[in-house]
Structure formats: structure tokens, C-alpha cells
């Protein structure tokens, strides 16, 4: 306990250095510098009839159980944000990441064929999907921005409500690689619409060469 503050300072320093190295790598790979995505830009980028679910793994300083003598510790945690086009945002707290990560690996071993994998699939549906359902509204399509182990999870193939069914039968699901990608695509579409006009070519005489 006496070293906690020093440890936090070291962690902050290392996190800062990590971000610096990531920026250097992005520059070396030729990626253009991107401005941070604002909440307004993100909401505007969500297509009509869609809702965005952004998952996030992070380190959580857990003090629960300290009164029983358990030592506070850093724990990998999972959270999510449900973002609507109108700016409404809901927060989902999924708790410790370890059970979710373990279930993803178990399910992926045979894509839910074995009893253990089927149990893992049901756990992932109950843990990740059911808490989201009350906040999805009337959206017909769910855009999912994954993180960490969830990048290896095909959400559409998770079990559905009925035995033998799949989540894809309940909602259309699309996985996006990064929130910036969604904003960039929306901006490009708006620029194309603002440019206006349409070129229509008909009756081309391809044999009449100049």
C-alpha cells in the first residue's frame, strides 16, 4: 500500500510513453494525422435505423472487498457505450474481463459445437447482449466497435432467443474496425452529396476512336 502512489505515477508515465510510440508508428506507416472524433461527429455518422455499441477494455482499480481484508488491485474490466443518432448515450458495465475473454476462447475452439462451447456462447449472450437490448430502441442494425478479445468474436453467430437460432436472426449486425472509420465514411458521403450532379452516359459508340 505504501507504494501505490509511486506505482500509479509509473503507470501514467508508461501509458504516456506508449501513446507517444503509437503516434510515431502511425507516422512511420504513412497514416495521415487524424483529429479526435467528437461526440457530435460520431452521432451524425450513425446511419438512420442504426445504433452504435462501442466496447472498451480498461484497467480498473478494484477496492471491493477491502473491508473483508482483500487487497485492492488493478483488474482488467469491460464496459460498453450504446450511442444513438439523436445523441442519447447509455453506459453498460460488464464487469471483470477475464470471464468474457475465457468464454470467447472456449467458444472459438469449435464455433459453439461442443457442450462447453455452447455453454460459453450462452454465457456471452447473457453477459454481453442481453444488457444491451433494452437500450437498442427500434434500430434494425447494430454497429459494433470491438476491443481486445471481442475482436475475435463473431457476434452475429451467438445464440439467439430460440434453441438452435442465432443472434443474426434477431438483429442485423455490422462490425466496424474503428470509430474514426465510421466518421470518415459519413464525411465522404456528405462531400459526395454536396458536390451534386450525376453523369449519365448512354449510346456510346465504342468503335468510334479518336
C-alpha atoms as a PDB file:
ATOM      1  CA  UNK A   1       0.000   0.000   0.000  1.00  0.00           C
ATOM      2  CA  UNK A   2       2.828   2.409   0.727  1.00  0.00           C
ATOM      3  CA  UNK A   3       3.994   2.103  -2.896  1.00  0.00           C
ATOM      4  CA  UNK A   4       0.625   2.608  -4.575  1.00  0.00           C
ATOM      5  CA  UNK A   5       1.131   6.285  -5.446  1.00  0.00           C
ATOM      6  CA  UNK A   6       4.570   5.645  -6.902  1.00  0.00           C
ATOM      7  CA  UNK A   7       3.154   2.731  -8.868  1.00  0.00           C
ATOM      8  CA  UNK A   8       0.332   4.892 -10.248  1.00  0.00           C
ATOM      9  CA  UNK A   9       2.866   7.540 -11.314  1.00  0.00           C
ATOM     10  CA  UNK A  10       4.946   4.912 -13.079  1.00  0.00           C
ATOM     11  CA  UNK A  11       1.855   3.533 -14.818  1.00  0.00           C
ATOM     12  CA  UNK A  12       0.879   7.026 -16.014  1.00  0.00           C
ATOM     13  CA  UNK A  13       4.398   7.603 -17.342  1.00  0.00           C
ATOM     14  CA  UNK A  14       4.431   4.286 -19.195  1.00  0.00           C
ATOM     15  CA  UNK A  15       0.955   4.929 -20.639  1.00  0.00           C
ATOM     16  CA  UNK A  16       2.119   8.309 -21.918  1.00  0.00           C
ATOM     17  CA  UNK A  17       5.187   6.725 -23.478  1.00  0.00           C
ATOM     18  CA  UNK A  18       3.021   4.028 -25.085  1.00  0.00           C
ATOM     19  CA  UNK A  19       0.798   6.665 -26.710  1.00  0.00           C
ATOM     20  CA  UNK A  20       3.885   8.524 -27.935  1.00  0.00           C
ATOM     21  CA  UNK A  21       5.260   5.360 -29.537  1.00  0.00           C
ATOM     22  CA  UNK A  22       1.893   4.628 -31.158  1.00  0.00           C
ATOM     23  CA  UNK A  23       1.908   8.100 -32.726  1.00  0.00           C
ATOM     24  CA  UNK A  24       5.432   7.512 -34.026  1.00  0.00           C
ATOM     25  CA  UNK A  25       4.419   4.156 -35.512  1.00  0.00           C
ATOM     26  CA  UNK A  26       1.387   5.741 -37.169  1.00  0.00           C
ATOM     27  CA  UNK A  27       3.650   8.337 -38.774  1.00  0.00           C
ATOM     28  CA  UNK A  28       6.148   5.709 -39.925  1.00  0.00           C
ATOM     29  CA  UNK A  29       3.393   3.672 -41.550  1.00  0.00           C
ATOM     30  CA  UNK A  30       2.331   6.677 -43.602  1.00  0.00           C
ATOM     31  CA  UNK A  31      -1.023   7.194 -41.889  1.00  0.00           C
ATOM     32  CA  UNK A  32      -2.368  10.717 -42.034  1.00  0.00           C
ATOM     33  CA  UNK A  33      -2.786  12.532 -38.754  1.00  0.00           C
ATOM     34  CA  UNK A  34      -6.383  12.408 -37.603  1.00  0.00           C
ATOM     35  CA  UNK A  35      -8.154  14.736 -35.242  1.00  0.00           C
ATOM     36  CA  UNK A  36     -10.003  13.145 -32.327  1.00  0.00           C
ATOM     37  CA  UNK A  37     -13.599  12.176 -33.063  1.00  0.00           C
ATOM     38  CA  UNK A  38     -16.122  14.334 -31.211  1.00  0.00           C
ATOM     39  CA  UNK A  39     -19.384  13.026 -29.807  1.00  0.00           C
ATOM     40  CA  UNK A  40     -21.395  15.177 -32.214  1.00  0.00           C
ATOM     41  CA  UNK A  41     -19.468  13.865 -35.234  1.00  0.00           C
ATOM     42  CA  UNK A  42     -19.963  10.300 -34.088  1.00  0.00           C
ATOM     43  CA  UNK A  43     -23.718  10.680 -33.631  1.00  0.00           C
ATOM     44  CA  UNK A  44     -24.084  12.341 -37.034  1.00  0.00           C
ATOM     45  CA  UNK A  45     -22.143   9.477 -38.637  1.00  0.00           C
ATOM     46  CA  UNK A  46     -24.572   6.810 -37.408  1.00  0.00           C
ATOM     47  CA  UNK A  47     -26.889   5.948 -40.332  1.00  0.00           C
ATOM     48  CA  UNK A  48     -30.670   6.120 -39.846  1.00  0.00           C
ATOM     49  CA  UNK A  49     -32.080   2.940 -38.365  1.00  0.00           C
ATOM     50  CA  UNK A  50     -28.770   2.059 -36.729  1.00  0.00           C
ATOM     51  CA  UNK A  51     -27.354   2.180 -33.226  1.00  0.00           C
ATOM     52  CA  UNK A  52     -23.682   2.001 -32.246  1.00  0.00           C
ATOM     53  CA  UNK A  53     -22.238  -0.190 -29.496  1.00  0.00           C
ATOM     54  CA  UNK A  54     -18.661   0.657 -28.547  1.00  0.00           C
ATOM     55  CA  UNK A  55     -16.896  -1.894 -26.313  1.00  0.00           C
ATOM     56  CA  UNK A  56     -13.922  -0.881 -24.193  1.00  0.00           C
ATOM     57  CA  UNK A  57     -11.418  -2.894 -22.151  1.00  0.00           C
ATOM     58  CA  UNK A  58      -9.592  -0.914 -19.460  1.00  0.00           C
ATOM     59  CA  UNK A  59      -7.748  -1.281 -16.162  1.00  0.00           C
ATOM     60  CA  UNK A  60      -9.980  -0.827 -13.122  1.00  0.00           C
ATOM     61  CA  UNK A  61      -8.699  -0.150  -9.582  1.00  0.00           C
ATOM     62  CA  UNK A  62     -10.896  -2.535  -7.620  1.00  0.00           C
ATOM     63  CA  UNK A  63     -11.371  -1.833  -3.939  1.00  0.00           C
ATOM     64  CA  UNK A  64     -14.442  -4.040  -3.434  1.00  0.00           C
ATOM     65  CA  UNK A  65     -13.898  -6.493  -0.616  1.00  0.00           C
ATOM     66  CA  UNK A  66     -11.283  -4.351   1.112  1.00  0.00           C
ATOM     67  CA  UNK A  67     -13.379  -4.353   4.258  1.00  0.00           C
ATOM     68  CA  UNK A  68     -13.046  -8.155   4.300  1.00  0.00           C
ATOM     69  CA  UNK A  69      -9.284  -7.948   4.113  1.00  0.00           C
ATOM     70  CA  UNK A  70      -8.944  -8.307   0.338  1.00  0.00           C
ATOM     71  CA  UNK A  71      -6.135  -6.197  -1.052  1.00  0.00           C
ATOM     72  CA  UNK A  72      -7.164  -3.575  -3.657  1.00  0.00           C
ATOM     73  CA  UNK A  73      -5.778  -4.395  -7.079  1.00  0.00           C
ATOM     74  CA  UNK A  74      -5.877  -3.473 -10.744  1.00  0.00           C
ATOM     75  CA  UNK A  75      -8.310  -5.656 -12.699  1.00  0.00           C
ATOM     76  CA  UNK A  76      -8.997  -5.839 -16.442  1.00  0.00           C
ATOM     77  CA  UNK A  77     -12.546  -4.539 -16.907  1.00  0.00           C
ATOM     78  CA  UNK A  78     -15.075  -4.386 -19.740  1.00  0.00           C
ATOM     79  CA  UNK A  79     -17.582  -1.634 -20.429  1.00  0.00           C
ATOM     80  CA  UNK A  80     -19.697  -0.511 -23.340  1.00  0.00           C
ATOM     81  CA  UNK A  81     -21.404   2.601 -24.683  1.00  0.00           C
ATOM     82  CA  UNK A  82     -24.660   2.449 -26.634  1.00  0.00           C
ATOM     83  CA  UNK A  83     -24.793   5.527 -28.860  1.00  0.00           C
ATOM     84  CA  UNK A  84     -27.893   6.686 -30.743  1.00  0.00           C
ATOM     85  CA  UNK A  85     -28.074   9.025 -33.698  1.00  0.00           C
ATOM     86  CA  UNK A  86     -30.031  11.587 -31.649  1.00  0.00           C
ATOM     87  CA  UNK A  87     -27.172  11.875 -29.153  1.00  0.00           C
ATOM     88  CA  UNK A  88     -28.601   9.582 -26.487  1.00  0.00           C
ATOM     89  CA  UNK A  89     -25.851   7.511 -24.845  1.00  0.00           C
ATOM     90  CA  UNK A  90     -26.192   4.627 -22.396  1.00  0.00           C
ATOM     91  CA  UNK A  91     -23.384   3.085 -20.347  1.00  0.00           C
ATOM     92  CA  UNK A  92     -23.087  -0.663 -19.776  1.00  0.00           C
ATOM     93  CA  UNK A  93     -20.809  -2.082 -17.096  1.00  0.00           C
ATOM     94  CA  UNK A  94     -19.959  -5.721 -17.912  1.00  0.00           C
ATOM     95  CA  UNK A  95     -17.546  -6.241 -15.013  1.00  0.00           C
ATOM     96  CA  UNK A  96     -14.238  -8.156 -14.962  1.00  0.00           C
ATOM     97  CA  UNK A  97     -12.896  -9.013 -18.399  1.00  0.00           C
ATOM     98  CA  UNK A  98     -11.377 -12.391 -17.570  1.00  0.00           C
ATOM     99  CA  UNK A  99     -14.616 -14.466 -17.679  1.00  0.00           C
ATOM    100  CA  UNK A 100     -15.556 -12.884 -21.011  1.00  0.00           C
ATOM    101  CA  UNK A 101     -12.109 -13.479 -22.522  1.00  0.00           C
ATOM    102  CA  UNK A 102     -12.145 -17.102 -21.370  1.00  0.00           C
ATOM    103  CA  UNK A 103     -15.629 -17.662 -22.835  1.00  0.00           C
ATOM    104  CA  UNK A 104     -14.565 -16.189 -26.195  1.00  0.00           C
ATOM    105  CA  UNK A 105     -11.622 -18.597 -26.404  1.00  0.00           C
ATOM    106  CA  UNK A 106     -13.801 -21.574 -25.416  1.00  0.00           C
ATOM    107  CA  UNK A 107     -16.486 -20.684 -27.962  1.00  0.00           C
ATOM    108  CA  UNK A 108     -13.947 -20.190 -30.762  1.00  0.00           C
ATOM    109  CA  UNK A 109     -12.401 -23.650 -30.343  1.00  0.00           C
ATOM    110  CA  UNK A 110     -15.209 -25.264 -32.343  1.00  0.00           C
ATOM    111  CA  UNK A 111     -17.578 -22.366 -33.073  1.00  0.00           C
ATOM    112  CA  UNK A 112     -20.106 -23.465 -30.467  1.00  0.00           C
ATOM    113  CA  UNK A 113     -20.319 -27.133 -31.473  1.00  0.00           C
ATOM    114  CA  UNK A 114     -19.249 -28.813 -28.224  1.00  0.00           C
ATOM    115  CA  UNK A 115     -21.273 -28.636 -24.993  1.00  0.00           C
ATOM    116  CA  UNK A 116     -18.565 -26.461 -23.403  1.00  0.00           C
ATOM    117  CA  UNK A 117     -18.608 -24.086 -26.379  1.00  0.00           C
ATOM    118  CA  UNK A 118     -22.407 -23.924 -26.392  1.00  0.00           C
ATOM    119  CA  UNK A 119     -22.349 -23.036 -22.709  1.00  0.00           C
ATOM    120  CA  UNK A 120     -19.758 -20.332 -23.445  1.00  0.00           C
ATOM    121  CA  UNK A 121     -21.984 -18.976 -26.232  1.00  0.00           C
ATOM    122  CA  UNK A 122     -24.956 -18.740 -23.904  1.00  0.00           C
ATOM    123  CA  UNK A 123     -22.785 -17.021 -21.314  1.00  0.00           C
ATOM    124  CA  UNK A 124     -21.615 -14.431 -23.871  1.00  0.00           C
ATOM    125  CA  UNK A 125     -25.186 -13.769 -24.992  1.00  0.00           C
ATOM    126  CA  UNK A 126     -26.330 -13.308 -21.404  1.00  0.00           C
ATOM    127  CA  UNK A 127     -23.287 -11.262 -20.408  1.00  0.00           C
ATOM    128  CA  UNK A 128     -22.824  -9.033 -23.465  1.00  0.00           C
ATOM    129  CA  UNK A 129     -26.033  -8.929 -25.471  1.00  0.00           C
ATOM    130  CA  UNK A 130     -28.945  -9.033 -23.057  1.00  0.00           C
ATOM    131  CA  UNK A 131     -27.780  -5.931 -21.107  1.00  0.00           C
ATOM    132  CA  UNK A 132     -27.729  -4.023 -24.421  1.00  0.00           C
ATOM    133  CA  UNK A 133     -31.196  -4.998 -25.677  1.00  0.00           C
ATOM    134  CA  UNK A 134     -33.234  -2.549 -23.545  1.00  0.00           C
ATOM    135  CA  UNK A 135     -31.186   0.351 -24.943  1.00  0.00           C
ATOM    136  CA  UNK A 136     -31.188  -0.527 -28.656  1.00  0.00           C
ATOM    137  CA  UNK A 137     -34.574   1.068 -29.298  1.00  0.00           C
ATOM    138  CA  UNK A 138     -36.115   0.402 -32.709  1.00  0.00           C
ATOM    139  CA  UNK A 139     -32.798   0.136 -34.504  1.00  0.00           C
ATOM    140  CA  UNK A 140     -32.786  -2.568 -37.166  1.00  0.00           C
ATOM    141  CA  UNK A 141     -28.991  -2.664 -37.400  1.00  0.00           C
ATOM    142  CA  UNK A 142     -26.420  -2.694 -34.612  1.00  0.00           C
ATOM    143  CA  UNK A 143     -22.969  -1.333 -35.423  1.00  0.00           C
ATOM    144  CA  UNK A 144     -20.367  -2.887 -33.135  1.00  0.00           C
ATOM    145  CA  UNK A 145     -16.936  -1.422 -32.447  1.00  0.00           C
ATOM    146  CA  UNK A 146     -14.998  -4.185 -30.719  1.00  0.00           C
ATOM    147  CA  UNK A 147     -11.946  -4.124 -28.492  1.00  0.00           C
ATOM    148  CA  UNK A 148      -9.466  -6.682 -27.195  1.00  0.00           C
ATOM    149  CA  UNK A 149     -10.653 -10.298 -27.194  1.00  0.00           C
ATOM    150  CA  UNK A 150     -14.048  -9.267 -28.594  1.00  0.00           C
ATOM    151  CA  UNK A 151     -12.336  -8.555 -31.919  1.00  0.00           C
ATOM    152  CA  UNK A 152     -12.228 -12.337 -32.359  1.00  0.00           C
ATOM    153  CA  UNK A 153     -15.901 -12.869 -31.565  1.00  0.00           C
ATOM    154  CA  UNK A 154     -18.432 -13.093 -34.448  1.00  0.00           C
ATOM    155  CA  UNK A 155     -21.374 -11.528 -32.636  1.00  0.00           C
ATOM    156  CA  UNK A 156     -23.859 -12.487 -35.342  1.00  0.00           C
ATOM    157  CA  UNK A 157     -23.193 -16.178 -34.668  1.00  0.00           C
ATOM    158  CA  UNK A 158     -24.002 -16.002 -30.947  1.00  0.00           C
ATOM    159  CA  UNK A 159     -27.063 -17.984 -29.799  1.00  0.00           C
ATOM    160  CA  UNK A 160     -30.467 -16.407 -30.373  1.00  0.00           C
ATOM    161  CA  UNK A 161     -33.564 -16.451 -28.201  1.00  0.00           C
ATOM    162  CA  UNK A 162     -34.856 -19.747 -29.565  1.00  0.00           C
ATOM    163  CA  UNK A 163     -32.883 -23.023 -29.370  1.00  0.00           C
ATOM    164  CA  UNK A 164     -30.805 -23.513 -32.487  1.00  0.00           C
ATOM    165  CA  UNK A 165     -31.202 -19.898 -33.600  1.00  0.00           C
ATOM    166  CA  UNK A 166     -28.588 -17.185 -33.985  1.00  0.00           C
ATOM    167  CA  UNK A 167     -28.364 -13.566 -32.988  1.00  0.00           C
ATOM    168  CA  UNK A 168     -28.280 -12.552 -36.658  1.00  0.00           C
ATOM    169  CA  UNK A 169     -31.895 -13.705 -36.933  1.00  0.00           C
ATOM    170  CA  UNK A 170     -32.914 -11.057 -34.385  1.00  0.00           C
ATOM    171  CA  UNK A 171     -30.828  -8.056 -35.486  1.00  0.00           C
ATOM    172  CA  UNK A 172     -28.631  -7.105 -38.402  1.00  0.00           C
ATOM    173  CA  UNK A 173     -25.102  -6.719 -37.077  1.00  0.00           C
ATOM    174  CA  UNK A 174     -22.129  -4.973 -38.642  1.00  0.00           C
ATOM    175  CA  UNK A 175     -18.661  -4.763 -37.104  1.00  0.00           C
ATOM    176  CA  UNK A 176     -16.658  -1.598 -37.721  1.00  0.00           C
ATOM    177  CA  UNK A 177     -12.857  -1.575 -37.243  1.00  0.00           C
ATOM    178  CA  UNK A 178     -12.699   1.850 -35.590  1.00  0.00           C
ATOM    179  CA  UNK A 179     -14.985   4.756 -34.742  1.00  0.00           C
ATOM    180  CA  UNK A 180     -12.867   7.039 -36.946  1.00  0.00           C
ATOM    181  CA  UNK A 181     -13.736   4.810 -39.911  1.00  0.00           C
ATOM    182  CA  UNK A 182     -17.451   5.391 -39.385  1.00  0.00           C
ATOM    183  CA  UNK A 183     -16.968   9.172 -39.183  1.00  0.00           C
ATOM    184  CA  UNK A 184     -14.681   9.243 -42.242  1.00  0.00           C
ATOM    185  CA  UNK A 185     -17.180   7.303 -44.368  1.00  0.00           C
ATOM    186  CA  UNK A 186     -20.007   9.627 -43.321  1.00  0.00           C
ATOM    187  CA  UNK A 187     -17.915  12.701 -44.152  1.00  0.00           C
ATOM    188  CA  UNK A 188     -17.001  11.321 -47.578  1.00  0.00           C
ATOM    189  CA  UNK A 189     -20.667  10.567 -48.304  1.00  0.00           C
ATOM    190  CA  UNK A 190     -21.688  14.112 -47.343  1.00  0.00           C
ATOM    191  CA  UNK A 191     -18.989  15.611 -49.569  1.00  0.00           C
ATOM    192  CA  UNK A 192     -20.188  13.498 -52.489  1.00  0.00           C
ATOM    193  CA  UNK A 193     -23.783  14.656 -51.933  1.00  0.00           C
ATOM    194  CA  UNK A 194     -22.740  18.305 -51.683  1.00  0.00           C
ATOM    195  CA  UNK A 195     -20.840  18.021 -54.951  1.00  0.00           C
ATOM    196  CA  UNK A 196     -24.202  17.301 -56.580  1.00  0.00           C
ATOM    197  CA  UNK A 197     -24.955  16.305 -60.154  1.00  0.00           C
ATOM    198  CA  UNK A 198     -24.794  12.962 -61.911  1.00  0.00           C
ATOM    199  CA  UNK A 199     -23.044  11.937 -65.115  1.00  0.00           C
ATOM    200  CA  UNK A 200     -25.179   9.671 -67.296  1.00  0.00           C
ATOM    201  CA  UNK A 201     -23.681   8.242 -70.463  1.00  0.00           C
ATOM    202  CA  UNK A 202     -25.761   6.324 -72.999  1.00  0.00           C
ATOM    203  CA  UNK A 203     -25.466   5.137 -76.565  1.00  0.00           C
ATOM    204  CA  UNK A 204     -21.690   5.087 -76.516  1.00  0.00           C
ATOM    205  CA  UNK A 205     -20.060   4.281 -79.856  1.00  0.00           C
ATOM    206  CA  UNK A 206     -17.036   2.374 -78.606  1.00  0.00           C
ATOM    207  CA  UNK A 207     -15.823   1.731 -82.183  1.00  0.00           C
ATOM    208  CA  UNK A 208     -15.514   5.451 -82.935  1.00  0.00           C
ATOM    209  CA  UNK A 209     -11.998   6.049 -81.690  1.00  0.00           C
ATOM    210  CA  UNK A 210     -10.379   9.464 -81.728  1.00  0.00           C
END
